[in-house]
N, C-alpha and C. Protein backbone atom coordinates (compact mmCIF):
# COMPACT_ATOMS: atom_id res chain seq x y z
N UNK A 1 -26.00 15.62 -44.66
CA UNK A 1 -25.28 14.82 -43.71
C UNK A 1 -26.05 13.51 -43.53
N UNK A 2 -25.34 12.40 -43.71
CA UNK A 2 -25.99 11.10 -43.60
C UNK A 2 -25.38 10.31 -42.44
N UNK A 3 -26.23 9.93 -41.50
CA UNK A 3 -25.80 9.16 -40.34
C UNK A 3 -25.93 7.68 -40.69
N UNK A 4 -24.79 7.05 -40.93
CA UNK A 4 -24.80 5.68 -41.44
C UNK A 4 -24.95 4.63 -40.36
N UNK A 5 -24.26 4.82 -39.24
CA UNK A 5 -24.36 3.82 -38.18
C UNK A 5 -23.94 4.41 -36.85
N UNK A 6 -24.43 3.76 -35.80
CA UNK A 6 -24.04 4.11 -34.44
C UNK A 6 -23.93 2.83 -33.65
N UNK A 7 -22.84 2.69 -32.94
CA UNK A 7 -22.65 1.57 -32.02
C UNK A 7 -21.95 2.15 -30.80
N UNK A 8 -22.09 1.50 -29.68
CA UNK A 8 -21.45 1.99 -28.47
C UNK A 8 -19.98 2.28 -28.77
N UNK A 9 -19.58 3.54 -28.62
CA UNK A 9 -18.19 3.93 -28.81
C UNK A 9 -17.83 4.51 -30.16
N UNK A 10 -18.76 4.48 -31.12
CA UNK A 10 -18.44 5.09 -32.42
C UNK A 10 -19.70 5.46 -33.19
N UNK A 11 -19.50 6.39 -34.11
CA UNK A 11 -20.58 6.84 -34.97
C UNK A 11 -19.99 7.04 -36.36
N UNK A 12 -20.74 6.70 -37.39
CA UNK A 12 -20.28 6.86 -38.78
C UNK A 12 -21.19 7.84 -39.50
N UNK A 13 -20.57 8.92 -40.01
CA UNK A 13 -21.30 9.98 -40.70
C UNK A 13 -20.60 10.25 -42.02
N UNK A 14 -21.36 10.18 -43.11
CA UNK A 14 -20.81 10.46 -44.44
C UNK A 14 -19.51 9.72 -44.71
N UNK A 15 -19.47 8.44 -44.32
CA UNK A 15 -18.31 7.61 -44.62
C UNK A 15 -17.14 7.74 -43.66
N UNK A 16 -17.26 8.59 -42.65
CA UNK A 16 -16.19 8.79 -41.68
C UNK A 16 -16.65 8.27 -40.32
N UNK A 17 -15.80 7.46 -39.68
CA UNK A 17 -16.11 6.92 -38.36
C UNK A 17 -15.42 7.76 -37.29
N UNK A 18 -16.19 8.14 -36.29
CA UNK A 18 -15.68 8.92 -35.16
C UNK A 18 -15.79 8.05 -33.91
N UNK A 19 -14.70 7.95 -33.15
CA UNK A 19 -14.73 7.14 -31.93
C UNK A 19 -14.64 8.03 -30.69
N UNK A 20 -15.22 9.20 -30.81
CA UNK A 20 -15.26 10.16 -29.72
C UNK A 20 -16.53 11.00 -29.88
N UNK A 21 -16.90 11.70 -28.81
CA UNK A 21 -18.08 12.57 -28.85
C UNK A 21 -17.86 13.66 -29.89
N UNK A 22 -18.92 14.00 -30.59
CA UNK A 22 -18.79 15.02 -31.62
C UNK A 22 -19.77 16.17 -31.41
N UNK A 23 -19.43 17.29 -32.05
CA UNK A 23 -20.28 18.47 -32.08
C UNK A 23 -20.56 18.77 -33.55
N UNK A 24 -21.81 18.99 -33.87
CA UNK A 24 -22.18 19.42 -35.22
C UNK A 24 -22.63 20.86 -35.10
N UNK A 25 -21.87 21.73 -35.74
CA UNK A 25 -22.12 23.17 -35.66
C UNK A 25 -22.28 23.71 -37.08
N UNK A 26 -23.52 24.00 -37.44
CA UNK A 26 -23.85 24.54 -38.76
C UNK A 26 -23.25 23.70 -39.89
N UNK A 27 -23.40 22.38 -39.75
CA UNK A 27 -22.97 21.45 -40.80
C UNK A 27 -21.54 20.97 -40.68
N UNK A 28 -20.78 21.52 -39.76
CA UNK A 28 -19.38 21.09 -39.58
C UNK A 28 -19.29 20.17 -38.37
N UNK A 29 -18.49 19.12 -38.51
CA UNK A 29 -18.31 18.15 -37.44
C UNK A 29 -16.97 18.36 -36.77
N UNK A 30 -16.98 18.39 -35.44
CA UNK A 30 -15.75 18.53 -34.67
C UNK A 30 -15.81 17.69 -33.42
N UNK A 31 -14.69 17.55 -32.76
CA UNK A 31 -14.61 16.78 -31.52
C UNK A 31 -15.16 17.62 -30.37
N UNK A 32 -15.93 16.98 -29.52
CA UNK A 32 -16.44 17.66 -28.33
C UNK A 32 -15.27 18.02 -27.42
N UNK A 33 -15.20 19.28 -27.04
CA UNK A 33 -14.14 19.77 -26.16
C UNK A 33 -14.66 19.79 -24.73
N UNK A 34 -14.56 18.65 -24.04
CA UNK A 34 -15.18 18.52 -22.72
C UNK A 34 -14.24 18.76 -21.55
N UNK A 35 -13.02 19.21 -21.83
CA UNK A 35 -12.03 19.41 -20.77
C UNK A 35 -12.57 20.29 -19.64
N UNK A 36 -13.23 21.39 -19.97
CA UNK A 36 -13.73 22.32 -18.95
C UNK A 36 -14.82 21.69 -18.08
N UNK A 37 -15.50 20.67 -18.59
CA UNK A 37 -16.57 20.02 -17.83
C UNK A 37 -16.05 18.91 -16.93
N UNK A 38 -14.81 18.51 -17.11
CA UNK A 38 -14.26 17.39 -16.32
C UNK A 38 -14.24 17.67 -14.82
N UNK A 39 -14.23 18.95 -14.43
CA UNK A 39 -14.22 19.27 -13.00
C UNK A 39 -15.49 18.78 -12.29
N UNK A 40 -16.53 18.50 -13.06
CA UNK A 40 -17.80 18.03 -12.49
C UNK A 40 -17.92 16.51 -12.49
N UNK A 41 -16.91 15.82 -12.98
CA UNK A 41 -16.96 14.36 -13.13
C UNK A 41 -17.32 13.65 -11.82
N UNK A 42 -16.64 13.99 -10.74
CA UNK A 42 -16.87 13.29 -9.48
C UNK A 42 -18.30 13.46 -8.98
N UNK A 43 -18.89 14.62 -9.19
CA UNK A 43 -20.26 14.88 -8.73
C UNK A 43 -21.29 14.08 -9.53
N UNK A 44 -20.95 13.73 -10.78
CA UNK A 44 -21.91 13.06 -11.66
C UNK A 44 -21.53 11.62 -11.98
N UNK A 45 -20.30 11.23 -11.66
CA UNK A 45 -19.84 9.88 -12.00
C UNK A 45 -19.51 9.74 -13.48
N UNK A 46 -19.53 10.85 -14.17
CA UNK A 46 -19.30 10.90 -15.62
C UNK A 46 -19.08 12.37 -15.94
N UNK A 47 -18.34 12.68 -16.98
CA UNK A 47 -18.17 14.08 -17.36
C UNK A 47 -19.46 14.57 -18.00
N UNK A 48 -20.17 15.47 -17.32
CA UNK A 48 -21.45 15.95 -17.85
C UNK A 48 -21.25 17.00 -18.94
N UNK A 49 -22.33 17.31 -19.62
CA UNK A 49 -22.34 18.46 -20.52
C UNK A 49 -22.61 19.67 -19.65
N UNK A 50 -21.71 20.66 -19.71
CA UNK A 50 -21.88 21.87 -18.92
C UNK A 50 -21.66 23.09 -19.81
N UNK A 51 -22.06 24.25 -19.33
CA UNK A 51 -21.85 25.48 -20.10
C UNK A 51 -20.39 25.92 -20.07
N UNK A 52 -19.56 25.22 -19.34
CA UNK A 52 -18.13 25.54 -19.30
C UNK A 52 -17.44 25.17 -20.61
N UNK A 53 -18.02 24.23 -21.35
CA UNK A 53 -17.40 23.80 -22.61
C UNK A 53 -18.06 24.52 -23.78
N UNK A 54 -17.39 24.53 -24.93
CA UNK A 54 -17.99 25.19 -26.10
C UNK A 54 -19.25 24.45 -26.58
N UNK A 55 -20.34 25.15 -26.59
CA UNK A 55 -21.61 24.59 -27.05
C UNK A 55 -22.03 25.37 -28.30
N UNK A 56 -22.45 24.68 -29.35
CA UNK A 56 -22.80 25.37 -30.61
C UNK A 56 -24.16 26.05 -30.53
N UNK A 57 -24.20 27.21 -29.89
CA UNK A 57 -25.45 27.92 -29.63
C UNK A 57 -26.03 28.64 -30.84
N UNK A 58 -25.28 28.78 -31.92
CA UNK A 58 -25.79 29.53 -33.08
C UNK A 58 -26.76 28.66 -33.88
N UNK A 59 -27.94 28.48 -33.32
CA UNK A 59 -28.96 27.63 -33.92
C UNK A 59 -30.32 27.95 -33.30
N UNK A 60 -31.35 27.36 -33.87
CA UNK A 60 -32.70 27.48 -33.29
C UNK A 60 -33.00 26.28 -32.40
N UNK A 61 -32.33 25.14 -32.72
CA UNK A 61 -32.54 23.92 -31.94
C UNK A 61 -31.21 23.22 -31.75
N UNK A 62 -30.96 22.78 -30.52
CA UNK A 62 -29.77 22.02 -30.18
C UNK A 62 -30.20 20.64 -29.72
N UNK A 63 -29.74 19.63 -30.43
CA UNK A 63 -30.04 18.24 -30.07
C UNK A 63 -28.83 17.67 -29.34
N UNK A 64 -29.07 17.12 -28.17
CA UNK A 64 -28.01 16.47 -27.40
C UNK A 64 -28.29 14.98 -27.39
N UNK A 65 -27.40 14.22 -28.02
CA UNK A 65 -27.47 12.76 -27.98
C UNK A 65 -26.78 12.32 -26.71
N UNK A 66 -27.53 11.75 -25.79
CA UNK A 66 -27.02 11.45 -24.44
C UNK A 66 -26.40 10.07 -24.30
N UNK A 67 -26.03 9.45 -25.42
CA UNK A 67 -25.33 8.16 -25.38
C UNK A 67 -26.23 6.99 -25.74
N UNK A 68 -25.60 5.85 -25.87
CA UNK A 68 -26.31 4.64 -26.28
C UNK A 68 -27.47 4.32 -25.35
N UNK A 69 -27.27 4.55 -24.05
CA UNK A 69 -28.31 4.24 -23.07
C UNK A 69 -28.87 5.50 -22.41
N UNK A 70 -28.53 6.67 -22.96
CA UNK A 70 -29.06 7.93 -22.44
C UNK A 70 -28.47 8.35 -21.11
N UNK A 71 -27.22 7.94 -20.82
CA UNK A 71 -26.65 8.19 -19.50
C UNK A 71 -25.79 9.44 -19.37
N UNK A 72 -25.57 10.19 -20.46
CA UNK A 72 -24.77 11.41 -20.35
C UNK A 72 -25.53 12.43 -19.51
N UNK A 73 -24.94 12.88 -18.39
CA UNK A 73 -25.61 13.92 -17.61
C UNK A 73 -25.52 15.27 -18.32
N UNK A 74 -26.60 16.01 -18.28
CA UNK A 74 -26.64 17.37 -18.82
C UNK A 74 -27.00 18.27 -17.65
N UNK A 75 -26.09 19.18 -17.33
CA UNK A 75 -26.31 20.04 -16.17
C UNK A 75 -27.49 20.98 -16.41
N UNK A 76 -28.22 21.29 -15.35
CA UNK A 76 -29.38 22.17 -15.43
C UNK A 76 -29.05 23.52 -16.06
N UNK A 77 -27.84 24.01 -15.82
CA UNK A 77 -27.46 25.32 -16.36
C UNK A 77 -27.46 25.33 -17.89
N UNK A 78 -27.29 24.17 -18.52
CA UNK A 78 -27.36 24.10 -19.99
C UNK A 78 -28.77 24.43 -20.45
N UNK A 79 -29.75 23.87 -19.77
CA UNK A 79 -31.14 24.17 -20.09
C UNK A 79 -31.47 25.63 -19.87
N UNK A 80 -30.95 26.20 -18.78
CA UNK A 80 -31.18 27.61 -18.51
C UNK A 80 -30.55 28.51 -19.57
N UNK A 81 -29.36 28.15 -20.01
CA UNK A 81 -28.69 28.94 -21.04
C UNK A 81 -29.42 28.82 -22.37
N UNK A 82 -29.91 27.63 -22.68
CA UNK A 82 -30.69 27.44 -23.91
C UNK A 82 -31.93 28.31 -23.89
N UNK A 83 -32.61 28.33 -22.76
CA UNK A 83 -33.81 29.15 -22.62
C UNK A 83 -33.47 30.64 -22.78
N UNK A 84 -32.39 31.07 -22.15
CA UNK A 84 -31.97 32.47 -22.24
C UNK A 84 -31.68 32.87 -23.69
N UNK A 85 -31.09 31.92 -24.45
CA UNK A 85 -30.73 32.19 -25.84
C UNK A 85 -31.87 31.90 -26.82
N UNK A 86 -32.98 31.42 -26.29
CA UNK A 86 -34.14 31.06 -27.12
C UNK A 86 -33.80 29.95 -28.11
N UNK A 87 -33.06 28.96 -27.61
CA UNK A 87 -32.70 27.77 -28.38
C UNK A 87 -33.48 26.59 -27.81
N UNK A 88 -34.19 25.88 -28.66
CA UNK A 88 -34.92 24.69 -28.20
C UNK A 88 -33.90 23.59 -27.93
N UNK A 89 -33.90 23.08 -26.73
CA UNK A 89 -32.97 22.03 -26.31
C UNK A 89 -33.71 20.69 -26.29
N UNK A 90 -33.18 19.74 -27.07
CA UNK A 90 -33.78 18.40 -27.14
C UNK A 90 -32.73 17.40 -26.71
N UNK A 91 -33.02 16.63 -25.67
CA UNK A 91 -32.08 15.63 -25.17
C UNK A 91 -32.70 14.24 -25.33
N UNK A 92 -31.99 13.39 -26.08
CA UNK A 92 -32.46 12.04 -26.37
C UNK A 92 -31.27 11.09 -26.37
N UNK A 93 -31.50 9.80 -26.13
CA UNK A 93 -30.41 8.86 -26.35
C UNK A 93 -29.89 9.01 -27.79
N UNK A 94 -28.62 8.82 -27.98
CA UNK A 94 -28.00 9.11 -29.29
C UNK A 94 -28.69 8.42 -30.47
N UNK A 95 -29.09 7.15 -30.38
CA UNK A 95 -29.78 6.55 -31.54
C UNK A 95 -31.04 7.33 -31.95
N UNK A 96 -31.81 7.79 -30.97
CA UNK A 96 -33.01 8.57 -31.26
C UNK A 96 -32.66 9.97 -31.76
N UNK A 97 -31.59 10.54 -31.20
CA UNK A 97 -31.14 11.86 -31.64
C UNK A 97 -30.73 11.83 -33.11
N UNK A 98 -30.10 10.74 -33.53
CA UNK A 98 -29.68 10.61 -34.93
C UNK A 98 -30.88 10.59 -35.86
N UNK A 99 -31.93 9.91 -35.47
CA UNK A 99 -33.15 9.89 -36.29
C UNK A 99 -33.73 11.29 -36.43
N UNK A 100 -33.75 12.02 -35.33
CA UNK A 100 -34.27 13.38 -35.37
C UNK A 100 -33.37 14.28 -36.22
N UNK A 101 -32.08 14.11 -36.12
CA UNK A 101 -31.14 14.90 -36.93
C UNK A 101 -31.31 14.64 -38.42
N UNK A 102 -31.60 13.38 -38.78
CA UNK A 102 -31.82 13.04 -40.19
C UNK A 102 -32.97 13.86 -40.77
N UNK A 103 -33.97 14.16 -39.93
CA UNK A 103 -35.16 14.88 -40.38
C UNK A 103 -35.00 16.40 -40.25
N UNK A 104 -33.94 16.83 -39.57
CA UNK A 104 -33.75 18.26 -39.30
C UNK A 104 -33.08 18.96 -40.46
N UNK A 105 -33.39 20.20 -40.58
CA UNK A 105 -32.77 21.02 -41.61
C UNK A 105 -31.83 22.04 -40.99
N UNK A 106 -31.66 23.14 -41.68
CA UNK A 106 -30.83 24.21 -41.17
C UNK A 106 -31.38 24.70 -39.83
N UNK A 107 -30.50 25.24 -39.04
CA UNK A 107 -30.92 25.79 -37.76
C UNK A 107 -30.84 24.78 -36.63
N UNK A 108 -30.34 23.58 -36.90
CA UNK A 108 -30.20 22.57 -35.87
C UNK A 108 -28.73 22.19 -35.72
N UNK A 109 -28.22 22.29 -34.51
CA UNK A 109 -26.88 21.83 -34.17
C UNK A 109 -27.01 20.65 -33.22
N UNK A 110 -25.88 19.97 -32.96
CA UNK A 110 -25.96 18.80 -32.10
C UNK A 110 -24.66 18.56 -31.34
N UNK A 111 -24.81 17.89 -30.22
CA UNK A 111 -23.70 17.33 -29.46
C UNK A 111 -24.09 15.86 -29.28
N UNK A 112 -23.20 14.97 -29.73
CA UNK A 112 -23.52 13.54 -29.71
C UNK A 112 -22.50 12.77 -28.89
N UNK A 113 -22.98 12.13 -27.84
CA UNK A 113 -22.16 11.30 -26.98
C UNK A 113 -22.17 9.88 -27.53
N UNK A 114 -21.01 9.28 -27.72
CA UNK A 114 -20.96 7.95 -28.35
C UNK A 114 -20.82 6.81 -27.35
N UNK A 115 -20.64 7.14 -26.07
CA UNK A 115 -20.52 6.08 -25.06
C UNK A 115 -21.85 5.78 -24.42
N UNK A 116 -21.82 5.55 -23.16
CA UNK A 116 -22.96 5.14 -22.32
C UNK A 116 -24.26 5.75 -22.75
């Protein structure tokens, strides 16, 4: 998987541009399904990452790209669930997360926020 570019609002991977948050689960790319987390929007001023939405837990490490400026809120319960599942949780602004993903091999999944 080659991360070609990232700009506020979009990411380009292997020649395909995505203009929405994505989930990388064992090498497959899909759209982040954040509907279940929207109930927390008012409390955070943004739809946070919560355990209510599908998270690709089948990995040893989960990288969360928190946006261009690192503003995506990640609820504490996500960290607790990662610990319970023995998954290393790494949260970085998306540009930094992409660099780490380039160096990662099997066993790493990701959730990448393309906005803020």
